[in-house]
Amino acid sequence: GFWHWVVYNIPASTTSLPAGAGDPKSGALPAGA
């Protein structure tokens, strides 16, 4: 198989990720992720 995305340490208060959050330069992931 193939892993396309892995995001960890997402805070428990988070209930969504916006489109484009997977771009490392976007800054769209929650703090700590």
PDB file of all heavy atoms in Angstrom:
ATOM      1  N   GLY A   1       0.821  -1.195   0.000  1.00  0.00           N
ATOM      2  CA  GLY A   1       0.000   0.000   0.000  1.00  0.00           C
ATOM      3  C   GLY A   1       0.859   1.250   0.000  1.00  0.00           C
ATOM      4  O   GLY A   1       2.069   1.196  -0.230  1.00  0.00           O
ATOM      5  N   PHE A   2       0.212   2.414   0.243  1.00  0.00           N
ATOM      6  CA  PHE A   2       0.932   3.689   0.217  1.00  0.00           C
ATOM      7  C   PHE A   2       0.286   4.647   1.203  1.00  0.00           C
ATOM      8  O   PHE A   2      -0.930   4.856   1.185  1.00  0.00           O
ATOM      9  CB  PHE A   2       0.893   4.292  -1.191  1.00  0.00           C
ATOM     10  CG  PHE A   2       1.824   5.449  -1.377  1.00  0.00           C
ATOM     11  CD1 PHE A   2       3.109   5.234  -1.858  1.00  0.00           C
ATOM     12  CD2 PHE A   2       1.432   6.739  -1.078  1.00  0.00           C
ATOM     13  CE1 PHE A   2       3.988   6.302  -2.028  1.00  0.00           C
ATOM     14  CE2 PHE A   2       2.293   7.807  -1.239  1.00  0.00           C
ATOM     15  CZ  PHE A   2       3.570   7.584  -1.723  1.00  0.00           C
ATOM     16  N   TRP A   3       1.111   5.238   2.081  1.00  0.00           N
ATOM     17  CA  TRP A   3       0.646   6.227   3.055  1.00  0.00           C
ATOM     18  C   TRP A   3       0.738   7.620   2.444  1.00  0.00           C
ATOM     19  O   TRP A   3       1.822   8.069   2.080  1.00  0.00           O
ATOM     20  CB  TRP A   3       1.470   6.153   4.336  1.00  0.00           C
ATOM     21  CG  TRP A   3       1.198   4.894   5.081  1.00  0.00           C
ATOM     22  CD1 TRP A   3       1.929   3.743   5.066  1.00  0.00           C
ATOM     23  CD2 TRP A   3       0.077   4.643   5.923  1.00  0.00           C
ATOM     24  NE1 TRP A   3       1.322   2.791   5.852  1.00  0.00           N
ATOM     25  CE2 TRP A   3       0.181   3.317   6.388  1.00  0.00           C
ATOM     26  CE3 TRP A   3      -1.016   5.408   6.330  1.00  0.00           C
ATOM     27  CZ2 TRP A   3      -0.752   2.748   7.238  1.00  0.00           C
ATOM     28  CZ3 TRP A   3      -1.947   4.834   7.188  1.00  0.00           C
ATOM     29  CH2 TRP A   3      -1.804   3.524   7.632  1.00  0.00           C
ATOM     30  N   HIS A   4      -0.417   8.291   2.339  1.00  0.00           N
ATOM     31  CA  HIS A   4      -0.505   9.616   1.740  1.00  0.00           C
ATOM     32  C   HIS A   4      -0.478  10.742   2.757  1.00  0.00           C
ATOM     33  O   HIS A   4      -0.219  11.887   2.394  1.00  0.00           O
ATOM     34  CB  HIS A   4      -1.796   9.733   0.913  1.00  0.00           C
ATOM     35  CG  HIS A   4      -1.719   9.020  -0.386  1.00  0.00           C
ATOM     36  ND1 HIS A   4      -1.498   9.674  -1.581  1.00  0.00           N
ATOM     37  CD2 HIS A   4      -1.820   7.708  -0.703  1.00  0.00           C
ATOM     38  CE1 HIS A   4      -1.484   8.799  -2.567  1.00  0.00           C
ATOM     39  NE2 HIS A   4      -1.671   7.594  -2.057  1.00  0.00           N
ATOM     40  N   TRP A   5      -0.802  10.420   4.037  1.00  0.00           N
ATOM     41  CA  TRP A   5      -0.842  11.497   5.045  1.00  0.00           C
ATOM     42  C   TRP A   5      -0.815  10.889   6.431  1.00  0.00           C
ATOM     43  O   TRP A   5      -1.473   9.874   6.689  1.00  0.00           O
ATOM     44  CB  TRP A   5      -2.106  12.313   4.875  1.00  0.00           C
ATOM     45  CG  TRP A   5      -2.123  13.680   5.486  1.00  0.00           C
ATOM     46  CD1 TRP A   5      -1.059  14.449   5.843  1.00  0.00           C
ATOM     47  CD2 TRP A   5      -3.289  14.454   5.767  1.00  0.00           C
ATOM     48  NE1 TRP A   5      -1.498  15.666   6.336  1.00  0.00           N
ATOM     49  CE2 TRP A   5      -2.867  15.687   6.293  1.00  0.00           C
ATOM     50  CE3 TRP A   5      -4.649  14.228   5.628  1.00  0.00           C
ATOM     51  CZ2 TRP A   5      -3.755  16.688   6.682  1.00  0.00           C
ATOM     52  CZ3 TRP A   5      -5.532  15.222   6.010  1.00  0.00           C
ATOM     53  CH2 TRP A   5      -5.079  16.448   6.518  1.00  0.00           C
ATOM     54  N   VAL A   6      -0.074  11.504   7.319  1.00  0.00           N
ATOM     55  CA  VAL A   6       0.000  11.100   8.721  1.00  0.00           C
ATOM     56  C   VAL A   6       0.113  12.375   9.565  1.00  0.00           C
ATOM     57  O   VAL A   6       1.088  13.123   9.432  1.00  0.00           O
ATOM     58  CB  VAL A   6       1.235  10.211   8.997  1.00  0.00           C
ATOM     59  CG1 VAL A   6       1.286   9.796  10.450  1.00  0.00           C
ATOM     60  CG2 VAL A   6       1.260   9.005   8.084  1.00  0.00           C
ATOM     61  N   VAL A   7      -0.905  12.639  10.390  1.00  0.00           N
ATOM     62  CA  VAL A   7      -0.885  13.796  11.286  1.00  0.00           C
ATOM     63  C   VAL A   7      -1.163  13.282  12.689  1.00  0.00           C
ATOM     64  O   VAL A   7      -2.163  12.587  12.905  1.00  0.00           O
ATOM     65  CB  VAL A   7      -1.956  14.848  10.925  1.00  0.00           C
ATOM     66  CG1 VAL A   7      -1.791  16.089  11.788  1.00  0.00           C
ATOM     67  CG2 VAL A   7      -1.906  15.204   9.462  1.00  0.00           C
ATOM     68  N   TYR A   8      -0.299  13.604  13.635  1.00  0.00           N
ATOM     69  CA  TYR A   8      -0.479  13.121  15.005  1.00  0.00           C
ATOM     70  C   TYR A   8      -0.339  14.262  15.997  1.00  0.00           C
ATOM     71  O   TYR A   8       0.021  15.383  15.631  1.00  0.00           O
ATOM     72  CB  TYR A   8       0.485  11.977  15.315  1.00  0.00           C
ATOM     73  CG  TYR A   8       1.953  12.284  15.104  1.00  0.00           C
ATOM     74  CD1 TYR A   8       2.755  12.674  16.169  1.00  0.00           C
ATOM     75  CD2 TYR A   8       2.543  12.155  13.846  1.00  0.00           C
ATOM     76  CE1 TYR A   8       4.105  12.942  15.983  1.00  0.00           C
ATOM     77  CE2 TYR A   8       3.886  12.423  13.656  1.00  0.00           C
ATOM     78  CZ  TYR A   8       4.659  12.819  14.726  1.00  0.00           C
ATOM     79  OH  TYR A   8       5.994  13.092  14.544  1.00  0.00           O
ATOM     80  N   ASN A   9      -0.698  13.970  17.245  1.00  0.00           N
ATOM     81  CA  ASN A   9      -0.694  14.964  18.332  1.00  0.00           C
ATOM     82  C   ASN A   9      -1.668  16.112  18.047  1.00  0.00           C
ATOM     83  O   ASN A   9      -1.404  17.265  18.389  1.00  0.00           O
ATOM     84  CB  ASN A   9       0.715  15.491  18.621  1.00  0.00           C
ATOM     85  CG  ASN A   9       1.633  14.396  19.122  1.00  0.00           C
ATOM     86  OD1 ASN A   9       1.179  13.363  19.606  1.00  0.00           O
ATOM     87  ND2 ASN A   9       2.922  14.594  18.984  1.00  0.00           N
ATOM     88  N   ILE A  10      -2.799  15.773  17.444  1.00  0.00           N
ATOM     89  CA  ILE A  10      -3.861  16.750  17.230  1.00  0.00           C
ATOM     90  C   ILE A  10      -4.599  16.894  18.567  1.00  0.00           C
ATOM     91  O   ILE A  10      -5.066  15.887  19.118  1.00  0.00           O
ATOM     92  CB  ILE A  10      -4.826  16.285  16.124  1.00  0.00           C
ATOM     93  CG1 ILE A  10      -4.071  16.078  14.803  1.00  0.00           C
ATOM     94  CG2 ILE A  10      -5.981  17.269  15.964  1.00  0.00           C
ATOM     95  CD1 ILE A  10      -4.889  15.384  13.720  1.00  0.00           C
ATOM     96  N   PRO A  11      -4.708  18.099  19.104  1.00  0.00           N
ATOM     97  CA  PRO A  11      -5.353  18.269  20.414  1.00  0.00           C
ATOM     98  C   PRO A  11      -6.783  17.733  20.438  1.00  0.00           C
ATOM     99  O   PRO A  11      -7.506  17.799  19.442  1.00  0.00           O
ATOM    100  CB  PRO A  11      -5.340  19.787  20.618  1.00  0.00           C
ATOM    101  CG  PRO A  11      -4.239  20.285  19.732  1.00  0.00           C
ATOM    102  CD  PRO A  11      -4.219  19.365  18.551  1.00  0.00           C
ATOM    103  N   ALA A  12      -7.197  17.238  21.599  1.00  0.00           N
ATOM    104  CA  ALA A  12      -8.531  16.657  21.759  1.00  0.00           C
ATOM    105  C   ALA A  12      -9.641  17.672  21.533  1.00  0.00           C
ATOM    106  O   ALA A  12     -10.768  17.297  21.213  1.00  0.00           O
ATOM    107  CB  ALA A  12      -8.668  16.043  23.149  1.00  0.00           C
ATOM    108  N   SER A  13      -9.354  18.937  21.647  1.00  0.00           N
ATOM    109  CA  SER A  13     -10.357  19.980  21.416  1.00  0.00           C
ATOM    110  C   SER A  13     -10.645  20.209  19.933  1.00  0.00           C
ATOM    111  O   SER A  13     -11.587  20.901  19.582  1.00  0.00           O
ATOM    112  CB  SER A  13      -9.904  21.295  22.060  1.00  0.00           C
ATOM    113  OG  SER A  13      -8.666  21.706  21.496  1.00  0.00           O
ATOM    114  N   THR A  14      -9.855  19.604  19.069  1.00  0.00           N
ATOM    115  CA  THR A  14     -10.006  19.771  17.632  1.00  0.00           C
ATOM    116  C   THR A  14     -11.093  18.835  17.108  1.00  0.00           C
ATOM    117  O   THR A  14     -11.111  17.656  17.461  1.00  0.00           O
ATOM    118  CB  THR A  14      -8.672  19.463  16.915  1.00  0.00           C
ATOM    119  OG1 THR A  14      -7.659  20.312  17.457  1.00  0.00           O
ATOM    120  CG2 THR A  14      -8.773  19.654  15.425  1.00  0.00           C
ATOM    121  N   THR A  15     -11.969  19.354  16.261  1.00  0.00           N
ATOM    122  CA  THR A  15     -13.015  18.527  15.655  1.00  0.00           C
ATOM    123  C   THR A  15     -13.033  18.655  14.139  1.00  0.00           C
ATOM    124  O   THR A  15     -13.930  18.114  13.486  1.00  0.00           O
ATOM    125  CB  THR A  15     -14.402  18.884  16.210  1.00  0.00           C
ATOM    126  OG1 THR A  15     -14.645  20.270  15.970  1.00  0.00           O
ATOM    127  CG2 THR A  15     -14.495  18.567  17.701  1.00  0.00           C
ATOM    128  N   SER A  16     -12.045  19.348  13.573  1.00  0.00           N
ATOM    129  CA  SER A  16     -11.987  19.466  12.118  1.00  0.00           C
ATOM    130  C   SER A  16     -10.608  19.940  11.676  1.00  0.00           C
ATOM    131  O   SER A  16      -9.860  20.518  12.464  1.00  0.00           O
ATOM    132  CB  SER A  16     -13.053  20.440  11.610  1.00  0.00           C
ATOM    133  OG  SER A  16     -12.786  21.746  12.060  1.00  0.00           O
ATOM    134  N   LEU A  17     -10.315  19.682  10.413  1.00  0.00           N
ATOM    135  CA  LEU A  17      -9.124  20.213   9.763  1.00  0.00           C
ATOM    136  C   LEU A  17      -9.601  20.869   8.474  1.00  0.00           C
ATOM    137  O   LEU A  17     -10.378  20.261   7.721  1.00  0.00           O
ATOM    138  CB  LEU A  17      -8.114  19.105   9.443  1.00  0.00           C
ATOM    139  CG  LEU A  17      -7.507  18.363  10.624  1.00  0.00           C
ATOM    140  CD1 LEU A  17      -6.598  17.230  10.131  1.00  0.00           C
ATOM    141  CD2 LEU A  17      -6.726  19.320  11.525  1.00  0.00           C
ATOM    142  N   PRO A  18      -9.153  22.085   8.174  1.00  0.00           N
ATOM    143  CA  PRO A  18      -9.595  22.743   6.954  1.00  0.00           C
ATOM    144  C   PRO A  18      -8.917  22.164   5.719  1.00  0.00           C
ATOM    145  O   PRO A  18      -7.847  21.549   5.816  1.00  0.00           O
ATOM    146  CB  PRO A  18      -9.188  24.199   7.172  1.00  0.00           C
ATOM    147  CG  PRO A  18      -7.980  24.110   8.049  1.00  0.00           C
ATOM    148  CD  PRO A  18      -8.246  22.927   8.954  1.00  0.00           C
ATOM    149  N   ALA A  19      -9.523  22.375   4.565  1.00  0.00           N
ATOM    150  CA  ALA A  19      -8.887  21.988   3.307  1.00  0.00           C
ATOM    151  C   ALA A  19      -7.517  22.658   3.239  1.00  0.00           C
ATOM    152  O   ALA A  19      -7.364  23.816   3.639  1.00  0.00           O
ATOM    153  CB  ALA A  19      -9.748  22.408   2.126  1.00  0.00           C
ATOM    154  N   GLY A  20      -6.529  21.925   2.778  1.00  0.00           N
ATOM    155  CA  GLY A  20      -5.179  22.458   2.652  1.00  0.00           C
ATOM    156  C   GLY A  20      -4.328  22.362   3.899  1.00  0.00           C
ATOM    157  O   GLY A  20      -3.158  22.742   3.877  1.00  0.00           O
ATOM    158  N   ALA A  21      -4.880  21.833   4.990  1.00  0.00           N
ATOM    159  CA  ALA A  21      -4.107  21.727   6.233  1.00  0.00           C
ATOM    160  C   ALA A  21      -2.891  20.824   6.072  1.00  0.00           C
ATOM    161  O   ALA A  21      -1.941  20.932   6.838  1.00  0.00           O
ATOM    162  CB  ALA A  21      -4.986  21.211   7.371  1.00  0.00           C
ATOM    163  N   GLY A  22      -2.899  19.949   5.083  1.00  0.00           N
ATOM    164  CA  GLY A  22      -1.788  19.035   4.862  1.00  0.00           C
ATOM    165  C   GLY A  22      -0.561  19.655   4.232  1.00  0.00           C
ATOM    166  O   GLY A  22       0.475  19.011   4.112  1.00  0.00           O
ATOM    167  N   ASP A  23      -0.644  20.913   3.828  1.00  0.00           N
ATOM    168  CA  ASP A  23       0.517  21.617   3.299  1.00  0.00           C
ATOM    169  C   ASP A  23       1.367  22.075   4.483  1.00  0.00           C
ATOM    170  O   ASP A  23       0.912  22.888   5.290  1.00  0.00           O
ATOM    171  CB  ASP A  23       0.070  22.823   2.476  1.00  0.00           C
ATOM    172  CG  ASP A  23       1.232  23.631   1.907  1.00  0.00           C
ATOM    173  OD1 ASP A  23       2.404  23.420   2.304  1.00  0.00           O
ATOM    174  OD2 ASP A  23       0.961  24.494   1.054  1.00  0.00           O
ATOM    175  N   PRO A  24       2.585  21.544   4.615  1.00  0.00           N
ATOM    176  CA  PRO A  24       3.417  21.906   5.769  1.00  0.00           C
ATOM    177  C   PRO A  24       3.664  23.408   5.910  1.00  0.00           C
ATOM    178  O   PRO A  24       3.958  23.888   6.990  1.00  0.00           O
ATOM    179  CB  PRO A  24       4.734  21.165   5.520  1.00  0.00           C
ATOM    180  CG  PRO A  24       4.370  20.031   4.628  1.00  0.00           C
ATOM    181  CD  PRO A  24       3.257  20.550   3.757  1.00  0.00           C
ATOM    182  N   LYS A  25       3.526  24.166   4.825  1.00  0.00           N
ATOM    183  CA  LYS A  25       3.766  25.613   4.867  1.00  0.00           C
ATOM    184  C   LYS A  25       2.506  26.404   5.181  1.00  0.00           C
ATOM    185  O   LYS A  25       2.574  27.610   5.362  1.00  0.00           O
ATOM    186  CB  LYS A  25       4.338  26.072   3.528  1.00  0.00           C
ATOM    187  CG  LYS A  25       5.684  25.450   3.213  1.00  0.00           C
ATOM    188  CD  LYS A  25       6.168  25.844   1.847  1.00  0.00           C
ATOM    189  CE  LYS A  25       7.438  25.086   1.515  1.00  0.00           C
ATOM    190  NZ  LYS A  25       7.803  25.233   0.115  1.00  0.00           N
ATOM    191  N   SER A  26       1.348  25.735   5.258  1.00  0.00           N
ATOM    192  CA  SER A  26       0.079  26.457   5.418  1.00  0.00           C
ATOM    193  C   SER A  26      -0.144  27.006   6.816  1.00  0.00           C
ATOM    194  O   SER A  26      -0.853  27.992   6.981  1.00  0.00           O
ATOM    195  CB  SER A  26      -1.095  25.544   5.057  1.00  0.00           C
ATOM    196  OG  SER A  26      -1.318  24.581   6.086  1.00  0.00           O
ATOM    197  N   GLY A  27       0.402  26.346   7.829  1.00  0.00           N
ATOM    198  CA  GLY A  27       0.138  26.761   9.202  1.00  0.00           C
ATOM    199  C   GLY A  27      -1.298  26.503   9.625  1.00  0.00           C
ATOM    200  O   GLY A  27      -1.761  27.045  10.620  1.00  0.00           O
ATOM    201  N   ALA A  28      -2.016  25.652   8.891  1.00  0.00           N
ATOM    202  CA  ALA A  28      -3.439  25.417   9.150  1.00  0.00           C
ATOM    203  C   ALA A  28      -3.715  24.309  10.158  1.00  0.00           C
ATOM    204  O   ALA A  28      -4.857  24.140  10.566  1.00  0.00           O
ATOM    205  CB  ALA A  28      -4.154  25.102   7.840  1.00  0.00           C
ATOM    206  N   LEU A  29      -2.684  23.568  10.557  1.00  0.00           N
ATOM    207  CA  LEU A  29      -2.896  22.538  11.567  1.00  0.00           C
ATOM    208  C   LEU A  29      -2.978  23.185  12.947  1.00  0.00           C
ATOM    209  O   LEU A  29      -2.368  24.227  13.182  1.00  0.00           O
ATOM    210  CB  LEU A  29      -1.757  21.511  11.552  1.00  0.00           C
ATOM    211  CG  LEU A  29      -1.704  20.577  10.362  1.00  0.00           C
ATOM    212  CD1 LEU A  29      -0.449  19.705  10.437  1.00  0.00           C
ATOM    213  CD2 LEU A  29      -2.952  19.709  10.284  1.00  0.00           C
ATOM    214  N   PRO A  30      -3.715  22.564  13.877  1.00  0.00           N
ATOM    215  CA  PRO A  30      -3.767  23.123  15.224  1.00  0.00           C
ATOM    216  C   PRO A  30      -2.395  23.084  15.894  1.00  0.00           C
ATOM    217  O   PRO A  30      -1.557  22.245  15.559  1.00  0.00           O
ATOM    218  CB  PRO A  30      -4.752  22.214  15.957  1.00  0.00           C
ATOM    219  CG  PRO A  30      -5.086  21.104  15.048  1.00  0.00           C
ATOM    220  CD  PRO A  30      -4.524  21.375  13.710  1.00  0.00           C
ATOM    221  N   ALA A  31      -2.182  23.988  16.826  1.00  0.00           N
ATOM    222  CA  ALA A  31      -0.912  24.046  17.559  1.00  0.00           C
ATOM    223  C   ALA A  31      -0.621  22.690  18.192  1.00  0.00           C
ATOM    224  O   ALA A  31      -1.503  22.075  18.785  1.00  0.00           O
ATOM    225  CB  ALA A  31      -0.976  25.122  18.634  1.00  0.00           C
ATOM    226  N   GLY A  32       0.602  22.226  18.027  1.00  0.00           N
ATOM    227  CA  GLY A  32       1.032  20.956  18.598  1.00  0.00           C
ATOM    228  C   GLY A  32       0.927  19.782  17.652  1.00  0.00           C
ATOM    229  O   GLY A  32       1.587  18.765  17.851  1.00  0.00           O
ATOM    230  N   ALA A  33       0.097  19.888  16.618  1.00  0.00           N
ATOM    231  CA  ALA A  33      -0.045  18.786  15.659  1.00  0.00           C
ATOM    232  C   ALA A  33       1.213  18.677  14.809  1.00  0.00           C
ATOM    233  O   ALA A  33       1.847  19.683  14.476  1.00  0.00           O
ATOM    234  CB  ALA A  33      -1.264  19.006  14.775  1.00  0.00           C
TER     235      ALA A  33
END
